[in-house]
Amino acid sequence: MPISMSFRACREIFTIVTLFLFTSLANAQGITQIETVVKTINDLKVGAYQTNEYLPLLKNKSVAIVANQSSIIKNTHLVDSLISLKVSVKKVFCPEHGFRGLVDAGEKVATEKDSKTGLSIISLYGKNKKPSATDLKDVDVVIFDIQDVGVRFYTYLSTLHYVMEACAENNKQVIVLDRPNPNGHYIDGPILEDAYKSFLGLHPVPIVYGMTIGEYAQMINGEGWLKGGVKCNLKVISIIGYEHKDMFELGIRPSPNLPNMSSIYLYPSLGLFEGTQISVGRGSDLPFQVIGSPVLEKANYKFTPQPKPGAMEPKYKGIECKGHNLSEFGKEYMKDAKKIYLFWLMGTYSNTADKTKFFDENFNFHAGNATLQQQIKDGVKEEVIRKSWEPGIAKFKLVRKKYLLYKDF
C-alpha cells in the first residue's frame, strides 16, 4: 500500500485493522505525511565501521566492550573484529537479553565465558547493573556499541548510564560507537518524573526522545545526571551520512522481541502495554505487532504465546489470546508517523470487562508518571492527554538541542 494514501483511505485502513478502536477516536487520528529517505547500513558509516577513528585511542590500552548481538561490523561481531586487529580485549559486558540476545526480558543474565573467544562475559542486568571497581581494575577503556531504538523504557539506556557512571568513578574512558535511531525522527510522550525512576527510565526525557545513543550519552554527561554529578571521559564516534529526518532500516534485530521494522515503529506505542494485562505478542511470531488477552472483548485476531528464544515464559503461555494484528499498520504507516498512538491502549481499556485489573504496578514506570493511567481511567480524550505533554516536551527540546551531532528533523 502506498505511503501517499489519502487521510480518508488511511482512516478506513485504521478501522479495518483495529475494529473497535476507531469509533469516537478515529476522527481525531491522522498520519502526517513527510518526505522520507529510507537508508540502510550500506548508505551510512556507523561508528563501529570507523576503525581509523578509534583504533588509535586503543593502542597499548586494555579494553572492555559493552555489546550484544547488534554490535556488528558488516557480518563480523565487534569483539571478533577488534581481536583480529590485535586490540587487547579483556572482557565483555552484556546487557538485558545477554551477549547473544537470547535471554528473556527481565531474566537474570548469567556471567559466563564466550565459547568463541574465551573472554569473560559479565552481566549488567539483574543485581549487577553497574560495573564494579573490580570489573574495571584491569581496563583502561570501555567501548559501548549497542543498537538503540529511541524509546525511554528500552533498558539499554540505563545500561549506558551505569557504565558511564562506573567509568567516571574509576577514571576510565568510555567510547560510544554511534548508531542511527530508527525512531529518531520525532519526539513525543510524557516526561519521566523523579518518583518513577527505575531501570525502565532514569532521566527526565519523553518516551520518544529523538536522539542517537551517542547524543544521549553526551546529554547524560552534560546535564550532570550521573551520581554526584560526576563527568565521564567520553568520546563519541559519530555516524557519517545520517540525519534525524532519515528513516533507517536495521539489518539485525536490536533485541529478540523486535524482529523487524514494524515492531520497532510500533514499540513506542505498544510498549506501554507491558504495564497492563494485555500481551504484546511475546512468544508469538509477531512480538510488538499484536495485542491481546484471553478476556479481551470485540477482538478480530487470535494468537497463543509459546516459548521462544528471548521469551521462554511469555505472558499467557499456552493460552489463546483474542486481540488485534497491527503488523501491517506498523509496516506501512508508522514510519511516517510522528507521535505515540494511544488509541489502542485507550480502546483495549474501554473494552475490558474488569477494568480494575487492567493496569499493573509497572505501568506508571513505563509511562514515567501516574498521570497517564489516571487520565485513561477518567476517560480524558487523547488530544487533551497529548496537550498535557507539550510543556515538558518544549523544555526537553531546549536541552536536547545542546547535544545533537546530526542535522535535526
Foldseek 3Di string as FASTA:
>chain_A
DALPDDFVVVLVVVCVFAPQLCDVQSVVDGFFFDDAAEAECVQKQFLLNPCVVCVVVQVVFEEEEEAACQCDDVPHHSVVVCVVVVRRYAAYEYEPCDRHQQAAGLDDYDFDADPVPRHTYHYLDDPNVADDCVNCVRGAEYEYEAFDQQFQQPLVLVSLLRDQLRCLVNVHAYEYGWDDHQLLAAAAAAFADCVLADSRHQGRGGRGHNAISQLVSVLCQVVLSHVPSGHGNYHYRHMPNDASRYHYWYPQASHPLRGGQLLSLLCSQCVLQVQWLKAQQAQHPHRSFWIWALQFPPADDKDAHDADRNCHPGRRHRHITGTGGRSVVSVRGSSSHHYHDHSRVLSRLVRGPPNVRTGHPCNCSSNNHPVVVVCSVVVPRPVVVRVVRVVSNVVSVVSSVVRHPHHHD
